[in-house]
Amino acid sequence: MNQQRPIKVIIADTAFLIRKGLRTLVKENPDFEYITEVEDTKSLNSSLKKQLPDVLIVDHCCDDCFSLKVISTIKQSYPNLNILVISHEKTAEEIKKVIGIGIKNYLLKDCDEQEIIDAIRSCAKGEKYFCGQIIDVLLEKEISIKDHCSTGGITEREVDVIKELVSGKRPKEIADSLSISYYTVVTHKKNIYKKLGINHSIELAQYAIKTGLMK
């Protein structure tokens, strides 16, 4: 990753263990810079006034702390702040509420380490990122994800590979087209299938169509 400087991160979560886990993940990654962590709205507002991070990781958990109203207010107060919401909410209704206030990055608390890392990186660049479980819920509920989840829980390069695969190109042709190695294409394909929980090119095509990657 060509990163000029580390991605500055603030963590906002009511649960000590969650904060500790995220803090450890951020501190152990050379691409990230840990600024601080907070456990309530008052502390969060104070921290944001002192220093804006590149990414705010905030727990959407309850009405009296990091509620949707609080997150929405922060988003309005700091329009250039990239916000990554992490929640235990798995219902389509709750997911729609979070997306509805303009959140483009949403993970569930049981996501694995790599998804969290990918989400932080995507969030810092202003890209959309929804974890695989969120995608599953959206697809099952037939929500229109064309506008809300155009790339899903995958990287921009993986999006490029998906488009090439769905168009019918073979790995060698994709490698030539994207100026990457054949083995890199094979690795991307394997990771894509794993993240999406699919086993066949037909399922990949269905995913691409439903998410608006392919018209």
N, C-alpha and C. Protein backbone atom coordinates (compact mmCIF):
# COMPACT_ATOMS: atom_id res chain seq x y z
N MET A 1 0.84 -1.20 0.00
CA MET A 1 0.00 0.00 0.00
C MET A 1 0.88 1.25 0.00
N ASN A 2 0.66 2.16 -0.94
CA ASN A 2 1.42 3.39 -1.01
C ASN A 2 0.75 4.45 -0.15
N GLN A 3 1.15 4.52 1.10
CA GLN A 3 0.54 5.42 2.06
C GLN A 3 1.56 6.46 2.47
N GLN A 4 1.31 7.75 2.23
CA GLN A 4 2.26 8.80 2.57
C GLN A 4 2.40 8.94 4.07
N ARG A 5 1.32 8.79 4.78
CA ARG A 5 1.37 8.88 6.24
C ARG A 5 0.33 7.93 6.82
N PRO A 6 0.49 7.54 8.07
CA PRO A 6 -0.47 6.61 8.68
C PRO A 6 -1.87 7.20 8.75
N ILE A 7 -2.86 6.34 8.71
CA ILE A 7 -4.26 6.74 8.84
C ILE A 7 -4.56 6.96 10.31
N LYS A 8 -4.93 8.18 10.68
CA LYS A 8 -5.20 8.52 12.08
C LYS A 8 -6.60 8.05 12.47
N VAL A 9 -6.68 7.35 13.61
CA VAL A 9 -7.92 6.70 14.01
C VAL A 9 -8.32 7.06 15.43
N ILE A 10 -9.60 7.37 15.61
CA ILE A 10 -10.20 7.51 16.94
C ILE A 10 -11.24 6.41 17.09
N ILE A 11 -11.25 5.77 18.25
CA ILE A 11 -12.18 4.67 18.54
C ILE A 11 -13.21 5.13 19.57
N ALA A 12 -14.48 4.94 19.25
CA ALA A 12 -15.55 5.31 20.18
C ALA A 12 -16.45 4.10 20.41
N ASP A 13 -16.37 3.53 21.61
CA ASP A 13 -17.15 2.34 21.93
C ASP A 13 -17.38 2.28 23.43
N THR A 14 -18.55 1.87 23.84
CA THR A 14 -18.87 1.80 25.28
C THR A 14 -18.22 0.61 25.96
N ALA A 15 -17.88 -0.42 25.19
CA ALA A 15 -17.35 -1.66 25.77
C ALA A 15 -15.82 -1.65 25.83
N PHE A 16 -15.27 -1.87 27.01
CA PHE A 16 -13.82 -1.85 27.20
C PHE A 16 -13.12 -2.88 26.32
N LEU A 17 -13.64 -4.11 26.28
CA LEU A 17 -12.98 -5.17 25.52
C LEU A 17 -12.94 -4.86 24.03
N ILE A 18 -14.03 -4.26 23.51
CA ILE A 18 -14.06 -3.89 22.09
C ILE A 18 -13.03 -2.81 21.82
N ARG A 19 -12.98 -1.81 22.70
CA ARG A 19 -12.00 -0.72 22.53
C ARG A 19 -10.58 -1.27 22.57
N LYS A 20 -10.33 -2.18 23.51
CA LYS A 20 -8.99 -2.75 23.65
C LYS A 20 -8.60 -3.54 22.40
N GLY A 21 -9.55 -4.32 21.88
CA GLY A 21 -9.28 -5.10 20.68
C GLY A 21 -8.98 -4.21 19.48
N LEU A 22 -9.78 -3.18 19.29
CA LEU A 22 -9.57 -2.26 18.17
C LEU A 22 -8.28 -1.47 18.34
N ARG A 23 -8.00 -1.07 19.58
CA ARG A 23 -6.77 -0.33 19.86
C ARG A 23 -5.54 -1.18 19.49
N THR A 24 -5.56 -2.43 19.88
CA THR A 24 -4.45 -3.33 19.58
C THR A 24 -4.28 -3.50 18.07
N LEU A 25 -5.39 -3.69 17.37
CA LEU A 25 -5.35 -3.86 15.92
C LEU A 25 -4.75 -2.62 15.25
N VAL A 26 -5.20 -1.44 15.67
CA VAL A 26 -4.72 -0.19 15.08
C VAL A 26 -3.24 0.02 15.37
N LYS A 27 -2.84 -0.21 16.62
CA LYS A 27 -1.45 0.04 17.00
C LYS A 27 -0.48 -0.93 16.35
N GLU A 28 -0.94 -2.15 16.06
CA GLU A 28 -0.06 -3.15 15.47
C GLU A 28 0.11 -2.99 13.96
N ASN A 29 -0.72 -2.16 13.35
CA ASN A 29 -0.65 -1.97 11.90
C ASN A 29 0.13 -0.69 11.58
N PRO A 30 1.23 -0.78 10.86
CA PRO A 30 2.05 0.41 10.56
C PRO A 30 1.33 1.43 9.67
N ASP A 31 0.24 1.02 9.02
CA ASP A 31 -0.50 1.95 8.17
C ASP A 31 -1.45 2.83 8.98
N PHE A 32 -1.63 2.50 10.27
CA PHE A 32 -2.57 3.23 11.11
C PHE A 32 -1.85 3.96 12.24
N GLU A 33 -2.47 5.03 12.70
CA GLU A 33 -1.96 5.77 13.86
C GLU A 33 -3.10 5.94 14.87
N TYR A 34 -2.93 5.38 16.04
CA TYR A 34 -3.92 5.47 17.11
C TYR A 34 -3.86 6.85 17.75
N ILE A 35 -5.00 7.55 17.80
CA ILE A 35 -5.05 8.87 18.43
C ILE A 35 -5.55 8.74 19.86
N THR A 36 -6.76 8.23 20.01
CA THR A 36 -7.33 8.05 21.34
C THR A 36 -8.56 7.17 21.23
N GLU A 37 -9.14 6.85 22.39
CA GLU A 37 -10.39 6.09 22.44
C GLU A 37 -11.30 6.74 23.47
N VAL A 38 -12.60 6.65 23.24
CA VAL A 38 -13.57 7.25 24.16
C VAL A 38 -14.71 6.27 24.41
N GLU A 39 -15.41 6.47 25.51
CA GLU A 39 -16.49 5.56 25.88
C GLU A 39 -17.85 6.23 25.97
N ASP A 40 -17.91 7.54 25.72
CA ASP A 40 -19.20 8.22 25.77
C ASP A 40 -19.20 9.40 24.79
N THR A 41 -20.40 9.93 24.56
CA THR A 41 -20.57 10.99 23.56
C THR A 41 -19.83 12.27 23.94
N LYS A 42 -19.87 12.63 25.21
CA LYS A 42 -19.21 13.84 25.67
C LYS A 42 -17.71 13.79 25.38
N SER A 43 -17.09 12.66 25.70
CA SER A 43 -15.65 12.50 25.46
C SER A 43 -15.34 12.51 23.97
N LEU A 44 -16.23 11.93 23.18
CA LEU A 44 -16.03 11.90 21.74
C LEU A 44 -16.05 13.31 21.16
N ASN A 45 -17.04 14.10 21.54
CA ASN A 45 -17.13 15.47 21.05
C ASN A 45 -15.90 16.28 21.43
N SER A 46 -15.41 16.06 22.65
CA SER A 46 -14.21 16.77 23.13
C SER A 46 -12.99 16.37 22.31
N SER A 47 -12.84 15.08 22.02
CA SER A 47 -11.69 14.59 21.26
C SER A 47 -11.70 15.11 19.83
N LEU A 48 -12.89 15.16 19.23
CA LEU A 48 -13.00 15.63 17.85
C LEU A 48 -12.66 17.11 17.73
N LYS A 49 -12.94 17.88 18.77
CA LYS A 49 -12.60 19.30 18.77
C LYS A 49 -11.09 19.51 18.85
N LYS A 50 -10.40 18.57 19.49
CA LYS A 50 -8.95 18.68 19.65
C LYS A 50 -8.21 18.24 18.39
N GLN A 51 -8.67 17.14 17.79
CA GLN A 51 -7.99 16.62 16.60
C GLN A 51 -8.93 15.72 15.80
N LEU A 52 -9.11 16.07 14.54
CA LEU A 52 -9.94 15.25 13.67
C LEU A 52 -9.12 14.08 13.12
N PRO A 53 -9.63 12.88 13.21
CA PRO A 53 -8.92 11.73 12.66
C PRO A 53 -9.23 11.57 11.18
N ASP A 54 -8.52 10.67 10.54
CA ASP A 54 -8.88 10.30 9.17
C ASP A 54 -10.07 9.37 9.18
N VAL A 55 -10.18 8.56 10.26
CA VAL A 55 -11.28 7.62 10.41
C VAL A 55 -11.76 7.61 11.86
N LEU A 56 -13.05 7.77 12.04
CA LEU A 56 -13.68 7.60 13.35
C LEU A 56 -14.39 6.26 13.34
N ILE A 57 -13.94 5.34 14.20
CA ILE A 57 -14.63 4.06 14.36
C ILE A 57 -15.59 4.22 15.52
N VAL A 58 -16.88 4.15 15.25
CA VAL A 58 -17.87 4.39 16.29
C VAL A 58 -18.86 3.24 16.40
N ASP A 59 -19.15 2.90 17.65
CA ASP A 59 -20.10 1.83 17.94
C ASP A 59 -21.51 2.40 17.93
N HIS A 60 -22.37 1.82 17.10
CA HIS A 60 -23.79 2.18 17.13
C HIS A 60 -24.47 1.14 18.01
N CYS A 61 -24.76 1.54 19.26
CA CYS A 61 -25.20 0.51 20.21
C CYS A 61 -26.48 0.84 20.96
N CYS A 62 -26.67 2.08 21.37
CA CYS A 62 -27.82 2.37 22.22
C CYS A 62 -28.27 3.82 22.04
N ASP A 63 -29.49 4.09 22.49
CA ASP A 63 -30.08 5.42 22.28
C ASP A 63 -29.48 6.49 23.18
N ASP A 64 -28.85 6.09 24.30
CA ASP A 64 -28.35 7.09 25.24
C ASP A 64 -26.85 7.35 25.10
N CYS A 65 -26.24 6.80 24.08
CA CYS A 65 -24.80 7.05 23.89
C CYS A 65 -24.51 7.33 22.41
N PHE A 66 -23.94 6.37 21.72
CA PHE A 66 -23.61 6.58 20.30
C PHE A 66 -24.80 6.20 19.43
N SER A 67 -25.87 6.92 19.60
CA SER A 67 -27.10 6.65 18.86
C SER A 67 -26.99 7.14 17.43
N LEU A 68 -27.97 6.78 16.62
CA LEU A 68 -27.98 7.27 15.24
C LEU A 68 -28.05 8.79 15.20
N LYS A 69 -28.78 9.37 16.15
CA LYS A 69 -28.89 10.83 16.21
C LYS A 69 -27.53 11.46 16.47
N VAL A 70 -26.78 10.87 17.41
CA VAL A 70 -25.45 11.38 17.74
C VAL A 70 -24.52 11.25 16.53
N ILE A 71 -24.54 10.09 15.89
CA ILE A 71 -23.67 9.87 14.73
C ILE A 71 -24.04 10.82 13.59
N SER A 72 -25.34 11.02 13.40
CA SER A 72 -25.81 11.93 12.36
C SER A 72 -25.36 13.36 12.64
N THR A 73 -25.43 13.78 13.91
CA THR A 73 -25.01 15.13 14.29
C THR A 73 -23.52 15.33 14.05
N ILE A 74 -22.73 14.32 14.40
CA ILE A 74 -21.28 14.38 14.17
C ILE A 74 -20.99 14.48 12.68
N LYS A 75 -21.72 13.72 11.90
CA LYS A 75 -21.52 13.74 10.45
C LYS A 75 -21.84 15.12 9.88
N GLN A 76 -22.87 15.77 10.41
CA GLN A 76 -23.23 17.11 9.95
C GLN A 76 -22.22 18.15 10.41
N SER A 77 -21.70 17.98 11.63
CA SER A 77 -20.74 18.93 12.18
C SER A 77 -19.38 18.82 11.52
N TYR A 78 -19.01 17.59 11.11
CA TYR A 78 -17.72 17.35 10.47
C TYR A 78 -17.95 16.61 9.15
N PRO A 79 -18.42 17.32 8.12
CA PRO A 79 -18.80 16.68 6.85
C PRO A 79 -17.67 15.95 6.14
N ASN A 80 -16.43 16.30 6.43
CA ASN A 80 -15.29 15.64 5.78
C ASN A 80 -14.73 14.48 6.60
N LEU A 81 -15.35 14.21 7.75
CA LEU A 81 -14.89 13.12 8.61
C LEU A 81 -15.38 11.78 8.07
N ASN A 82 -14.48 10.83 7.92
CA ASN A 82 -14.85 9.50 7.46
C ASN A 82 -15.24 8.65 8.67
N ILE A 83 -16.47 8.13 8.66
CA ILE A 83 -17.00 7.40 9.80
C ILE A 83 -17.22 5.93 9.46
N LEU A 84 -16.63 5.07 10.28
CA LEU A 84 -16.83 3.62 10.15
C LEU A 84 -17.67 3.17 11.33
N VAL A 85 -18.89 2.73 11.06
CA VAL A 85 -19.79 2.26 12.12
C VAL A 85 -19.61 0.76 12.33
N ILE A 86 -19.47 0.38 13.59
CA ILE A 86 -19.42 -1.03 13.96
C ILE A 86 -20.58 -1.31 14.90
N SER A 87 -21.35 -2.34 14.61
CA SER A 87 -22.56 -2.60 15.39
C SER A 87 -22.80 -4.09 15.53
N HIS A 88 -23.66 -4.45 16.47
CA HIS A 88 -24.11 -5.84 16.58
C HIS A 88 -25.44 -6.03 15.89
N GLU A 89 -26.00 -4.94 15.37
CA GLU A 89 -27.31 -5.00 14.72
C GLU A 89 -27.22 -5.75 13.39
N LYS A 90 -28.09 -6.75 13.22
CA LYS A 90 -28.04 -7.57 12.02
C LYS A 90 -29.35 -7.55 11.22
N THR A 91 -30.31 -6.75 11.65
CA THR A 91 -31.58 -6.73 10.94
C THR A 91 -31.52 -5.75 9.78
N ALA A 92 -32.25 -6.04 8.74
CA ALA A 92 -32.28 -5.17 7.57
C ALA A 92 -32.79 -3.78 7.94
N GLU A 93 -33.76 -3.74 8.85
CA GLU A 93 -34.34 -2.46 9.26
C GLU A 93 -33.28 -1.55 9.89
N GLU A 94 -32.48 -2.11 10.81
CA GLU A 94 -31.46 -1.31 11.47
C GLU A 94 -30.34 -0.92 10.51
N ILE A 95 -29.98 -1.84 9.63
CA ILE A 95 -28.95 -1.55 8.65
C ILE A 95 -29.39 -0.39 7.75
N LYS A 96 -30.66 -0.41 7.34
CA LYS A 96 -31.20 0.66 6.50
C LYS A 96 -31.16 2.00 7.21
N LYS A 97 -31.39 2.00 8.53
CA LYS A 97 -31.37 3.24 9.30
C LYS A 97 -29.96 3.84 9.30
N VAL A 98 -28.96 2.98 9.49
CA VAL A 98 -27.58 3.45 9.51
C VAL A 98 -27.18 4.00 8.15
N ILE A 99 -27.48 3.24 7.10
CA ILE A 99 -27.16 3.67 5.74
C ILE A 99 -27.93 4.95 5.40
N GLY A 100 -29.14 5.05 5.95
CA GLY A 100 -30.00 6.19 5.65
C GLY A 100 -29.48 7.54 6.11
N ILE A 101 -28.59 7.56 7.10
CA ILE A 101 -28.04 8.85 7.55
C ILE A 101 -26.74 9.19 6.80
N GLY A 102 -26.43 8.38 5.80
CA GLY A 102 -25.28 8.68 4.96
C GLY A 102 -24.01 7.93 5.30
N ILE A 103 -24.12 6.89 6.13
CA ILE A 103 -22.94 6.09 6.48
C ILE A 103 -22.62 5.15 5.33
N LYS A 104 -21.35 5.17 4.89
CA LYS A 104 -20.92 4.35 3.75
C LYS A 104 -20.04 3.18 4.16
N ASN A 105 -19.74 3.10 5.46
CA ASN A 105 -18.85 2.05 5.96
C ASN A 105 -19.47 1.43 7.21
N TYR A 106 -19.79 0.12 7.13
CA TYR A 106 -20.56 -0.51 8.19
C TYR A 106 -20.08 -1.96 8.38
N LEU A 107 -19.66 -2.27 9.60
CA LEU A 107 -19.23 -3.62 9.95
C LEU A 107 -20.05 -4.16 11.11
N LEU A 108 -20.12 -5.47 11.21
CA LEU A 108 -20.68 -6.10 12.40
C LEU A 108 -19.53 -6.45 13.34
N LYS A 109 -19.84 -6.54 14.63
CA LYS A 109 -18.79 -6.72 15.64
C LYS A 109 -18.09 -8.07 15.56
N ASP A 110 -18.68 -9.02 14.88
CA ASP A 110 -18.03 -10.32 14.78
C ASP A 110 -17.26 -10.48 13.47
N CYS A 111 -16.97 -9.36 12.78
CA CYS A 111 -16.15 -9.41 11.57
C CYS A 111 -14.73 -9.81 11.93
N ASP A 112 -14.00 -10.38 10.97
CA ASP A 112 -12.64 -10.80 11.26
C ASP A 112 -11.66 -9.62 11.08
N GLU A 113 -10.42 -9.86 11.46
CA GLU A 113 -9.40 -8.81 11.47
C GLU A 113 -9.18 -8.19 10.10
N GLN A 114 -9.13 -9.01 9.06
CA GLN A 114 -8.84 -8.49 7.73
C GLN A 114 -9.96 -7.58 7.23
N GLU A 115 -11.21 -7.94 7.53
CA GLU A 115 -12.33 -7.08 7.12
C GLU A 115 -12.24 -5.72 7.81
N ILE A 116 -11.86 -5.70 9.08
CA ILE A 116 -11.73 -4.44 9.81
C ILE A 116 -10.62 -3.59 9.20
N ILE A 117 -9.49 -4.21 8.90
CA ILE A 117 -8.36 -3.50 8.29
C ILE A 117 -8.76 -2.94 6.93
N ASP A 118 -9.40 -3.77 6.11
CA ASP A 118 -9.84 -3.32 4.78
C ASP A 118 -10.84 -2.18 4.90
N ALA A 119 -11.73 -2.27 5.88
CA ALA A 119 -12.75 -1.24 6.06
C ALA A 119 -12.13 0.09 6.46
N ILE A 120 -11.14 0.07 7.36
CA ILE A 120 -10.47 1.29 7.78
C ILE A 120 -9.77 1.96 6.59
N ARG A 121 -9.10 1.15 5.79
CA ARG A 121 -8.39 1.68 4.62
C ARG A 121 -9.37 2.28 3.61
N SER A 122 -10.45 1.57 3.34
CA SER A 122 -11.45 2.06 2.39
C SER A 122 -12.11 3.33 2.92
N CYS A 123 -12.43 3.33 4.21
CA CYS A 123 -13.07 4.49 4.83
C CYS A 123 -12.19 5.73 4.71
N ALA A 124 -10.90 5.56 4.97
CA ALA A 124 -9.96 6.69 4.91
C ALA A 124 -9.90 7.30 3.52
N LYS A 125 -10.15 6.47 2.50
CA LYS A 125 -10.11 6.95 1.11
C LYS A 125 -11.47 7.44 0.63
N GLY A 126 -12.47 7.39 1.52
CA GLY A 126 -13.80 7.84 1.14
C GLY A 126 -14.58 6.83 0.32
N GLU A 127 -14.12 5.57 0.31
CA GLU A 127 -14.78 4.52 -0.43
C GLU A 127 -15.83 3.83 0.43
N LYS A 128 -16.77 3.15 -0.22
CA LYS A 128 -17.79 2.39 0.49
C LYS A 128 -17.25 1.04 0.92
N TYR A 129 -17.65 0.61 2.11
CA TYR A 129 -17.25 -0.74 2.55
C TYR A 129 -18.30 -1.29 3.51
N PHE A 130 -18.89 -2.41 3.13
CA PHE A 130 -19.84 -3.12 3.98
C PHE A 130 -19.33 -4.56 4.11
N CYS A 131 -19.31 -5.06 5.34
CA CYS A 131 -18.79 -6.41 5.53
C CYS A 131 -19.68 -7.45 4.86
N GLY A 132 -19.13 -8.65 4.71
CA GLY A 132 -19.85 -9.72 4.02
C GLY A 132 -21.21 -10.02 4.61
N GLN A 133 -21.33 -9.98 5.94
CA GLN A 133 -22.61 -10.28 6.58
C GLN A 133 -23.66 -9.23 6.25
N ILE A 134 -23.23 -7.98 6.18
CA ILE A 134 -24.15 -6.90 5.81
C ILE A 134 -24.65 -7.14 4.38
N ILE A 135 -23.75 -7.51 3.50
CA ILE A 135 -24.13 -7.80 2.12
C ILE A 135 -25.16 -8.91 2.06
N ASP A 136 -24.93 -9.97 2.85
CA ASP A 136 -25.87 -11.09 2.88
C ASP A 136 -27.26 -10.64 3.27
N VAL A 137 -27.35 -9.82 4.32
CA VAL A 137 -28.65 -9.34 4.78
C VAL A 137 -29.31 -8.49 3.71
N LEU A 138 -28.55 -7.61 3.10
CA LEU A 138 -29.10 -6.73 2.07
C LEU A 138 -29.63 -7.53 0.88
N LEU A 139 -28.88 -8.53 0.47
CA LEU A 139 -29.31 -9.34 -0.66
C LEU A 139 -30.53 -10.18 -0.33
N GLU A 140 -30.55 -10.74 0.88
CA GLU A 140 -31.68 -11.57 1.29
C GLU A 140 -32.97 -10.75 1.40
N LYS A 141 -32.84 -9.51 1.84
CA LYS A 141 -34.01 -8.66 2.02
C LYS A 141 -34.36 -7.90 0.75
N GLU A 142 -33.55 -8.09 -0.28
CA GLU A 142 -33.78 -7.45 -1.58
C GLU A 142 -33.84 -5.93 -1.49
N ILE A 143 -32.97 -5.39 -0.64
CA ILE A 143 -32.86 -3.94 -0.56
C ILE A 143 -32.13 -3.46 -1.80
N SER A 144 -32.45 -2.26 -2.27
CA SER A 144 -31.75 -1.74 -3.43
C SER A 144 -30.36 -1.31 -3.00
N ILE A 145 -29.38 -2.18 -3.26
CA ILE A 145 -28.02 -1.87 -2.83
C ILE A 145 -27.19 -1.25 -3.94
N LYS A 146 -27.81 -0.99 -5.06
CA LYS A 146 -27.07 -0.37 -6.16
C LYS A 146 -26.50 0.97 -5.73
N ASP A 147 -27.31 1.73 -4.95
CA ASP A 147 -26.88 3.06 -4.53
C ASP A 147 -26.10 3.04 -3.23
N HIS A 148 -26.36 2.01 -2.39
CA HIS A 148 -25.78 2.01 -1.06
C HIS A 148 -24.55 1.14 -0.90
N CYS A 149 -24.39 0.15 -1.73
CA CYS A 149 -23.32 -0.82 -1.48
C CYS A 149 -22.72 -1.29 -2.79
N SER A 150 -22.15 -0.36 -3.52
CA SER A 150 -21.73 -0.68 -4.87
C SER A 150 -20.53 -1.61 -4.93
N THR A 151 -19.70 -1.61 -3.88
CA THR A 151 -18.52 -2.47 -3.92
C THR A 151 -18.53 -3.54 -2.85
N GLY A 152 -19.42 -3.43 -1.87
CA GLY A 152 -19.50 -4.46 -0.85
C GLY A 152 -18.23 -4.56 -0.03
N GLY A 153 -18.03 -5.72 0.63
CA GLY A 153 -16.88 -5.90 1.49
C GLY A 153 -15.66 -6.36 0.73
N ILE A 154 -15.33 -5.66 -0.33
CA ILE A 154 -14.20 -6.03 -1.15
C ILE A 154 -13.41 -4.78 -1.53
N THR A 155 -12.17 -4.97 -1.93
CA THR A 155 -11.31 -3.85 -2.27
C THR A 155 -11.59 -3.36 -3.69
N GLU A 156 -11.05 -2.17 -3.98
CA GLU A 156 -11.24 -1.61 -5.32
C GLU A 156 -10.62 -2.50 -6.39
N ARG A 157 -9.45 -3.06 -6.09
CA ARG A 157 -8.81 -3.95 -7.06
C ARG A 157 -9.65 -5.20 -7.28
N GLU A 158 -10.26 -5.71 -6.22
CA GLU A 158 -11.12 -6.89 -6.36
C GLU A 158 -12.35 -6.58 -7.20
N VAL A 159 -12.82 -5.34 -7.10
CA VAL A 159 -13.94 -4.91 -7.95
C VAL A 159 -13.53 -4.99 -9.42
N ASP A 160 -12.31 -4.52 -9.72
CA ASP A 160 -11.80 -4.59 -11.09
C ASP A 160 -11.76 -6.03 -11.59
N VAL A 161 -11.28 -6.93 -10.71
CA VAL A 161 -11.17 -8.34 -11.08
C VAL A 161 -12.54 -8.95 -11.30
N ILE A 162 -13.51 -8.59 -10.46
CA ILE A 162 -14.88 -9.11 -10.61
C ILE A 162 -15.44 -8.72 -11.97
N LYS A 163 -15.28 -7.47 -12.34
CA LYS A 163 -15.80 -6.99 -13.62
C LYS A 163 -15.19 -7.77 -14.79
N GLU A 164 -13.89 -8.04 -14.68
CA GLU A 164 -13.21 -8.77 -15.74
C GLU A 164 -13.69 -10.23 -15.78
N LEU A 165 -13.84 -10.84 -14.61
CA LEU A 165 -14.30 -12.23 -14.55
C LEU A 165 -15.70 -12.38 -15.11
N VAL A 166 -16.58 -11.47 -14.71
CA VAL A 166 -17.97 -11.54 -15.16
C VAL A 166 -18.08 -11.30 -16.67
N SER A 167 -17.15 -10.54 -17.21
CA SER A 167 -17.16 -10.29 -18.66
C SER A 167 -16.69 -11.51 -19.45
N GLY A 168 -16.20 -12.54 -18.72
CA GLY A 168 -15.82 -13.77 -19.38
C GLY A 168 -14.33 -13.96 -19.61
N LYS A 169 -13.52 -13.04 -19.11
CA LYS A 169 -12.08 -13.14 -19.35
C LYS A 169 -11.45 -14.19 -18.43
N ARG A 170 -10.40 -14.82 -18.92
CA ARG A 170 -9.64 -15.79 -18.14
C ARG A 170 -8.56 -15.05 -17.33
N PRO A 171 -8.04 -15.71 -16.26
CA PRO A 171 -7.04 -15.06 -15.41
C PRO A 171 -5.86 -14.46 -16.16
N LYS A 172 -5.35 -15.18 -17.18
CA LYS A 172 -4.21 -14.64 -17.94
C LYS A 172 -4.60 -13.35 -18.67
N GLU A 173 -5.79 -13.32 -19.24
CA GLU A 173 -6.26 -12.12 -19.94
C GLU A 173 -6.47 -10.98 -18.95
N ILE A 174 -6.98 -11.30 -17.77
CA ILE A 174 -7.20 -10.28 -16.74
C ILE A 174 -5.86 -9.70 -16.28
N ALA A 175 -4.88 -10.57 -16.12
CA ALA A 175 -3.54 -10.13 -15.71
C ALA A 175 -2.98 -9.13 -16.71
N ASP A 176 -3.12 -9.43 -17.97
CA ASP A 176 -2.63 -8.52 -19.02
C ASP A 176 -3.40 -7.21 -19.02
N SER A 177 -4.72 -7.30 -18.82
CA SER A 177 -5.58 -6.12 -18.86
C SER A 177 -5.31 -5.18 -17.69
N LEU A 178 -5.07 -5.75 -16.50
CA LEU A 178 -4.88 -4.94 -15.29
C LEU A 178 -3.42 -4.70 -14.95
N SER A 179 -2.53 -5.26 -15.78
CA SER A 179 -1.08 -5.11 -15.57
C SER A 179 -0.64 -5.65 -14.21
N ILE A 180 -1.16 -6.82 -13.87
CA ILE A 180 -0.75 -7.52 -12.66
C ILE A 180 -0.39 -8.95 -13.04
N SER A 181 0.18 -9.70 -12.12
CA SER A 181 0.60 -11.05 -12.44
C SER A 181 -0.58 -12.02 -12.45
N TYR A 182 -0.38 -13.13 -13.15
CA TYR A 182 -1.39 -14.19 -13.22
C TYR A 182 -1.72 -14.69 -11.82
N TYR A 183 -0.70 -14.88 -10.99
CA TYR A 183 -0.90 -15.41 -9.65
C TYR A 183 -1.66 -14.43 -8.75
N THR A 184 -1.46 -13.14 -9.00
CA THR A 184 -2.21 -12.13 -8.24
C THR A 184 -3.69 -12.21 -8.58
N VAL A 185 -4.00 -12.41 -9.84
CA VAL A 185 -5.39 -12.55 -10.27
C VAL A 185 -6.03 -13.78 -9.61
N VAL A 186 -5.31 -14.89 -9.62
CA VAL A 186 -5.82 -16.12 -9.01
C VAL A 186 -6.09 -15.91 -7.52
N THR A 187 -5.18 -15.20 -6.84
CA THR A 187 -5.36 -14.92 -5.41
C THR A 187 -6.57 -14.03 -5.18
N HIS A 188 -6.72 -13.00 -6.01
CA HIS A 188 -7.89 -12.11 -5.89
C HIS A 188 -9.18 -12.91 -6.07
N LYS A 189 -9.20 -13.78 -7.06
CA LYS A 189 -10.40 -14.58 -7.33
C LYS A 189 -10.75 -15.46 -6.13
N LYS A 190 -9.74 -16.08 -5.57
CA LYS A 190 -9.95 -16.94 -4.41
C LYS A 190 -10.51 -16.14 -3.23
N ASN A 191 -9.94 -14.95 -2.99
CA ASN A 191 -10.39 -14.10 -1.88
C ASN A 191 -11.81 -13.59 -2.11
N ILE A 192 -12.12 -13.25 -3.36
CA ILE A 192 -13.46 -12.76 -3.69
C ILE A 192 -14.50 -13.83 -3.41
N TYR A 193 -14.26 -15.04 -3.88
CA TYR A 193 -15.20 -16.14 -3.67
C TYR A 193 -15.39 -16.41 -2.18
N LYS A 194 -14.28 -16.34 -1.42
CA LYS A 194 -14.36 -16.59 0.02
C LYS A 194 -15.16 -15.50 0.73
N LYS A 195 -14.91 -14.24 0.39
CA LYS A 195 -15.60 -13.13 1.03
C LYS A 195 -17.10 -13.15 0.74
N LEU A 196 -17.45 -13.50 -0.49
CA LEU A 196 -18.86 -13.49 -0.89
C LEU A 196 -19.57 -14.80 -0.58
N GLY A 197 -18.80 -15.81 -0.17
CA GLY A 197 -19.40 -17.10 0.16
C GLY A 197 -20.01 -17.79 -1.04
N ILE A 198 -19.33 -17.72 -2.18
CA ILE A 198 -19.85 -18.32 -3.41
C ILE A 198 -18.86 -19.35 -3.94
N ASN A 199 -19.33 -20.18 -4.87
CA ASN A 199 -18.49 -21.25 -5.42
C ASN A 199 -18.52 -21.33 -6.94
N HIS A 200 -19.30 -20.45 -7.57
CA HIS A 200 -19.49 -20.59 -9.02
C HIS A 200 -19.54 -19.22 -9.67
N SER A 201 -19.13 -19.16 -10.91
CA SER A 201 -19.11 -17.90 -11.66
C SER A 201 -20.51 -17.33 -11.86
N ILE A 202 -21.52 -18.19 -11.90
CA ILE A 202 -22.91 -17.72 -12.04
C ILE A 202 -23.30 -16.89 -10.82
N GLU A 203 -22.91 -17.36 -9.64
CA GLU A 203 -23.20 -16.63 -8.41
C GLU A 203 -22.47 -15.29 -8.40
N LEU A 204 -21.26 -15.27 -8.93
CA LEU A 204 -20.50 -14.02 -9.01
C LEU A 204 -21.21 -13.04 -9.93
N ALA A 205 -21.71 -13.53 -11.04
CA ALA A 205 -22.44 -12.67 -11.97
C ALA A 205 -23.71 -12.11 -11.32
N GLN A 206 -24.42 -12.95 -10.56
CA GLN A 206 -25.62 -12.50 -9.86
C GLN A 206 -25.29 -11.41 -8.87
N TYR A 207 -24.19 -11.60 -8.15
CA TYR A 207 -23.75 -10.58 -7.18
C TYR A 207 -23.44 -9.26 -7.90
N ALA A 208 -22.70 -9.34 -9.00
CA ALA A 208 -22.29 -8.14 -9.74
C ALA A 208 -23.50 -7.37 -10.25
N ILE A 209 -24.51 -8.11 -10.72
CA ILE A 209 -25.73 -7.46 -11.24
C ILE A 209 -26.52 -6.80 -10.11
N LYS A 210 -26.70 -7.54 -9.00
CA LYS A 210 -27.50 -7.02 -7.88
C LYS A 210 -26.85 -5.80 -7.22
N THR A 211 -25.54 -5.75 -7.20
CA THR A 211 -24.85 -4.62 -6.56
C THR A 211 -24.56 -3.48 -7.52
N GLY A 212 -24.94 -3.64 -8.78
CA GLY A 212 -24.75 -2.58 -9.74
C GLY A 212 -23.37 -2.50 -10.36
N LEU A 213 -22.52 -3.50 -10.09
CA LEU A 213 -21.19 -3.51 -10.69
C LEU A 213 -21.27 -3.75 -12.19
N MET A 214 -22.25 -4.55 -12.58
CA MET A 214 -22.46 -4.83 -13.99
C MET A 214 -23.88 -4.44 -14.36
N LYS A 215 -24.03 -3.80 -15.46
CA LYS A 215 -25.38 -3.35 -15.91
C LYS A 215 -26.07 -4.46 -16.68
